[in-house]
Amino acid sequence: MSIMKRVRDISVATLNEMLEQAEDPVKLIDRYLYSQKEQIDESERLYMQCLNHAQGLRQQLTAAEQMRDKREQQALIALKAGEEAVAKLALQEKMLHEEKAEQYRGLYEDSKNAILELQEQLNQLKADYQEVAAKRSYYQARLETLRLQQQLNARMAGRATGDTPRMFARLEDKVSDMEMEARTLREIRQAGRDILYTAGAAVQSALDVEMEKLKRKLDKEGWDKS
């Protein structure tokens, strides 16, 4: 496992712990994604620089190999022509270009290995970015679900323990008051009729008493009833 892979795993694990404790995980993920995007951009620029450098090394290697082969051919031609001294000079230059080609070959191989490692790291960064971006969508959906659920709970709580029961309680009180008022008025009217009836009987009795008094008075005066 490469160092970059271990760093990535630690970063993702740390992010997962932070997400569970964050009040606003979406903002935390946005900051993380912003940092990851910067790393990806920097890695892509470095990757392009490495490609360009490797291409330059390859060109140098190819040129050195071409000059090596050319000097070897020239040495053969000089040797066939009996120009041994010229052949030696050509071989000497061939050896120099061969050494140069070996040097550039080593640099080119190292550059290719570095490019492969950087490409792997870049792919891991992009995969990490996509993974965290997916988490952002998930947490954003969770927060939206929570927000809607809270609104629904508030509305249902208001309907369950708020206006509707109080409205029927007030209506019940009003109806009860009206019923009591009607009942009271009915009782008062009934009592009034009883009082009037009682008062009428008393007056009649008083009239009878007065009538008896008047009759006795007439008797004393000798008034003839006939």
Protein backbone atom coordinates (compact mmCIF):
# COMPACT_ATOMS: atom_id res chain seq x y z
CA MET A 1 0.00 0.00 0.00
CA SER A 2 1.44 3.36 -1.01
CA ILE A 3 1.82 6.29 1.38
CA MET A 4 -0.77 8.22 -0.62
CA LYS A 5 -3.26 5.35 -0.21
CA ARG A 6 -2.74 5.29 3.56
CA VAL A 7 -3.15 9.05 3.76
CA ARG A 8 -6.36 8.81 1.72
CA ASP A 9 -7.78 6.07 3.97
CA ILE A 10 -6.97 8.09 7.08
CA SER A 11 -8.56 11.19 5.56
CA VAL A 12 -11.77 9.38 4.64
CA ALA A 13 -11.98 7.70 8.05
CA THR A 14 -11.44 11.04 9.78
CA LEU A 15 -14.11 12.64 7.61
CA ASN A 16 -16.59 9.88 8.51
CA GLU A 17 -16.01 10.54 12.22
CA MET A 18 -16.40 14.28 11.75
CA LEU A 19 -19.62 13.80 9.77
CA GLU A 20 -21.26 11.91 12.63
CA GLN A 21 -20.50 14.80 15.02
CA ALA A 22 -21.11 17.74 12.69
CA GLU A 23 -24.20 19.91 13.14
CA ASP A 24 -24.14 20.77 9.43
CA PRO A 25 -22.46 17.86 7.57
CA VAL A 26 -23.14 19.42 4.16
CA LYS A 27 -20.98 22.45 4.95
CA LEU A 28 -18.23 20.17 6.27
CA ILE A 29 -18.37 18.08 3.11
CA ASP A 30 -18.27 21.22 0.94
CA ARG A 31 -15.07 22.34 2.67
CA TYR A 32 -13.59 18.89 2.22
CA LEU A 33 -14.56 18.76 -1.45
CA TYR A 34 -13.07 22.20 -2.02
CA SER A 35 -9.78 21.03 -0.52
CA GLN A 36 -9.89 17.80 -2.54
CA LYS A 37 -10.59 19.72 -5.75
CA GLU A 38 -7.53 21.86 -5.15
CA GLN A 39 -5.40 18.74 -4.65
CA ILE A 40 -6.80 17.18 -7.80
CA ASP A 41 -6.08 20.33 -9.83
CA GLU A 42 -2.53 20.51 -8.48
CA SER A 43 -1.97 16.81 -9.15
CA GLU A 44 -3.28 17.14 -12.71
CA ARG A 45 -0.93 20.07 -13.37
CA LEU A 46 1.97 18.06 -11.95
CA TYR A 47 0.90 15.08 -14.02
CA MET A 48 1.01 17.13 -17.22
CA GLN A 49 4.44 18.48 -16.27
CA CYS A 50 5.69 14.94 -15.71
CA LEU A 51 4.29 13.84 -19.07
CA ASN A 52 6.01 16.73 -20.83
CA HIS A 53 9.26 15.99 -19.01
CA ALA A 54 9.04 12.30 -19.88
CA GLN A 55 8.41 13.19 -23.50
CA GLY A 56 11.53 15.37 -23.51
CA LEU A 57 13.59 12.56 -21.99
CA ARG A 58 12.25 10.16 -24.59
CA GLN A 59 13.27 12.54 -27.35
CA GLN A 60 16.77 12.84 -25.85
CA LEU A 61 17.01 9.05 -25.59
CA THR A 62 15.88 8.57 -29.17
CA ALA A 63 18.38 11.18 -30.43
CA ALA A 64 21.24 9.57 -28.49
CA GLU A 65 20.35 6.10 -29.84
CA GLN A 66 20.15 7.44 -33.39
CA MET A 67 23.59 9.09 -33.07
CA ARG A 68 25.02 5.89 -31.56
CA ASP A 69 23.76 3.81 -34.47
CA LYS A 70 24.94 6.42 -36.97
CA ARG A 71 28.49 6.52 -35.58
CA GLU A 72 28.64 2.72 -35.59
CA GLN A 73 27.71 2.66 -39.29
CA GLN A 74 30.29 5.34 -40.00
CA ALA A 75 32.93 3.31 -38.18
CA LEU A 76 32.10 0.28 -40.33
CA ILE A 77 32.33 2.31 -43.53
CA ALA A 78 35.69 3.84 -42.46
CA LEU A 79 37.06 0.43 -41.49
CA LYS A 80 36.04 -1.04 -44.86
CA ALA A 81 37.74 1.87 -46.55
CA GLY A 82 40.94 1.17 -44.64
CA GLU A 83 40.57 4.32 -42.55
CA GLU A 84 41.19 2.72 -39.18
CA ALA A 85 41.90 6.04 -37.41
CA VAL A 86 38.64 7.51 -38.66
CA ALA A 87 36.86 4.33 -37.60
CA LYS A 88 38.27 4.70 -34.09
CA LEU A 89 37.03 8.29 -33.87
CA ALA A 90 33.58 7.17 -34.99
CA LEU A 91 33.57 4.36 -32.43
CA GLN A 92 34.68 6.76 -29.73
CA GLU A 93 31.69 9.04 -30.46
CA LYS A 94 29.46 5.97 -30.66
CA MET A 95 30.49 5.05 -27.11
CA LEU A 96 29.75 8.58 -25.89
CA HIS A 97 26.26 8.55 -27.42
CA GLU A 98 25.66 5.06 -26.08
CA GLU A 99 26.52 6.23 -22.57
CA LYS A 100 24.27 9.24 -23.06
CA ALA A 101 21.45 7.00 -24.26
CA GLU A 102 21.82 4.81 -21.15
CA GLN A 103 21.63 7.85 -18.92
CA TYR A 104 18.49 9.14 -20.62
CA ARG A 105 17.03 5.64 -20.60
CA GLY A 106 17.38 5.51 -16.82
CA LEU A 107 15.87 8.96 -16.42
CA TYR A 108 13.03 8.06 -18.75
CA GLU A 109 12.25 4.83 -16.87
CA ASP A 110 12.25 6.69 -13.55
CA SER A 111 9.97 9.31 -15.07
CA LYS A 112 7.56 6.65 -16.34
CA ASN A 113 7.40 5.04 -12.89
CA ALA A 114 6.75 8.42 -11.29
CA ILE A 115 3.98 9.08 -13.83
CA LEU A 116 2.35 5.74 -13.10
CA GLU A 117 2.45 6.38 -9.36
CA LEU A 118 1.13 9.90 -9.80
CA GLN A 119 -1.62 8.63 -12.07
CA GLU A 120 -2.64 6.08 -9.42
CA GLN A 121 -2.69 8.80 -6.77
CA LEU A 122 -4.71 11.06 -9.03
CA ASN A 123 -7.23 8.29 -9.69
CA GLN A 124 -7.49 7.69 -5.95
CA LEU A 125 -8.08 11.41 -5.32
CA LYS A 126 -10.81 11.48 -7.95
CA ALA A 127 -12.42 8.33 -6.55
CA ASP A 128 -12.25 9.86 -3.09
CA TYR A 129 -13.83 13.04 -4.42
CA GLN A 130 -16.68 11.10 -6.02
CA GLU A 131 -17.23 9.10 -2.84
CA VAL A 132 -17.44 12.23 -0.69
CA ALA A 133 -19.62 13.97 -3.30
CA ALA A 134 -22.02 11.02 -3.05
CA LYS A 135 -22.02 11.43 0.73
CA ARG A 136 -22.89 15.10 0.26
CA SER A 137 -25.97 14.19 -1.78
CA TYR A 138 -26.94 11.60 0.83
CA TYR A 139 -26.56 13.96 3.80
CA GLN A 140 -28.29 16.78 1.94
CA ALA A 141 -31.21 14.44 1.27
CA ARG A 142 -31.24 13.42 4.96
CA LEU A 143 -31.29 17.04 6.10
CA GLU A 144 -34.11 17.89 3.69
CA THR A 145 -36.08 14.87 4.90
CA LEU A 146 -35.50 15.96 8.50
CA ARG A 147 -36.57 19.52 7.73
CA LEU A 148 -39.79 18.37 6.07
CA GLN A 149 -40.49 15.93 8.89
CA GLN A 150 -40.05 18.69 11.46
CA GLN A 151 -42.48 20.91 9.56
CA LEU A 152 -44.97 18.05 9.34
CA ASN A 153 -44.61 17.30 13.05
CA ALA A 154 -45.14 20.97 13.92
CA ARG A 155 -48.25 21.15 11.77
CA MET A 156 -49.68 17.92 13.12
CA ALA A 157 -48.89 18.96 16.69
CA GLY A 158 -50.73 22.21 16.11
CA ARG A 159 -53.75 20.32 14.81
CA ALA A 160 -53.67 17.70 17.53
CA THR A 161 -53.25 19.88 20.61
CA GLY A 162 -53.85 23.36 19.38
CA ASP A 163 -56.63 25.19 17.60
CA THR A 164 -59.14 22.39 16.92
CA PRO A 165 -59.63 21.16 20.51
CA ARG A 166 -59.72 24.72 21.82
CA MET A 167 -62.28 25.65 19.16
CA PHE A 168 -64.62 22.81 20.17
CA ALA A 169 -64.06 23.57 23.85
CA ARG A 170 -65.14 27.17 23.31
CA LEU A 171 -68.15 25.99 21.30
CA GLU A 172 -69.11 23.53 24.04
CA ASP A 173 -68.90 26.30 26.65
CA LYS A 174 -71.06 28.62 24.56
CA VAL A 175 -73.72 25.98 23.96
CA SER A 176 -73.72 25.09 27.66
CA ASP A 177 -74.17 28.77 28.56
CA MET A 178 -77.09 29.06 26.12
CA GLU A 179 -78.71 25.95 27.51
CA MET A 180 -78.31 27.20 31.05
CA GLU A 181 -79.78 30.60 30.12
CA ALA A 182 -82.82 28.98 28.48
CA ARG A 183 -83.29 26.68 31.44
CA THR A 184 -83.05 29.61 33.89
CA LEU A 185 -85.55 31.71 31.94
CA ARG A 186 -87.96 28.78 31.83
CA GLU A 187 -87.68 28.30 35.58
CA ILE A 188 -88.18 32.03 36.20
CA ARG A 189 -91.31 32.09 34.01
CA GLN A 190 -92.70 29.06 35.81
CA ALA A 191 -91.99 30.63 39.20
CA GLY A 192 -93.69 33.86 38.02
CA ARG A 193 -96.83 31.98 37.07
CA ASP A 194 -96.91 30.28 40.47
CA ILE A 195 -96.49 33.66 42.22
CA LEU A 196 -99.32 35.20 40.17
CA TYR A 197 -101.59 32.23 40.90
CA THR A 198 -100.82 32.42 44.62
CA ALA A 199 -101.36 36.18 44.62
CA GLY A 200 -104.77 35.72 42.92
CA ALA A 201 -105.95 33.25 45.55
CA ALA A 202 -104.93 35.61 48.34
CA VAL A 203 -106.90 38.48 46.82
CA GLN A 204 -109.99 36.26 46.44
CA SER A 205 -109.73 35.25 50.09
CA ALA A 206 -109.41 38.88 51.12
CA LEU A 207 -112.49 39.69 49.05
CA ASP A 208 -114.44 36.94 50.75
CA VAL A 209 -113.45 38.32 54.15
CA GLU A 210 -114.52 41.81 53.19
CA MET A 211 -117.77 40.45 51.80
CA GLU A 212 -118.56 38.72 55.12
CA LYS A 213 -117.81 41.92 57.00
CA LEU A 214 -120.15 43.86 54.77
CA LYS A 215 -122.92 41.30 55.22
CA ARG A 216 -122.62 41.43 59.00
CA LYS A 217 -122.80 45.20 58.90
CA LEU A 218 -125.98 45.04 56.89
CA ASP A 219 -127.45 42.56 59.32
CA LYS A 220 -126.82 44.91 62.15
CA GLU A 221 -128.58 47.71 60.31
CA GLY A 222 -131.60 45.50 59.79
CA TRP A 223 -131.31 45.51 56.03
CA ASP A 224 -133.87 43.24 54.53
CA LYS A 225 -132.23 40.83 52.11
CA SER A 226 -135.53 40.29 50.39
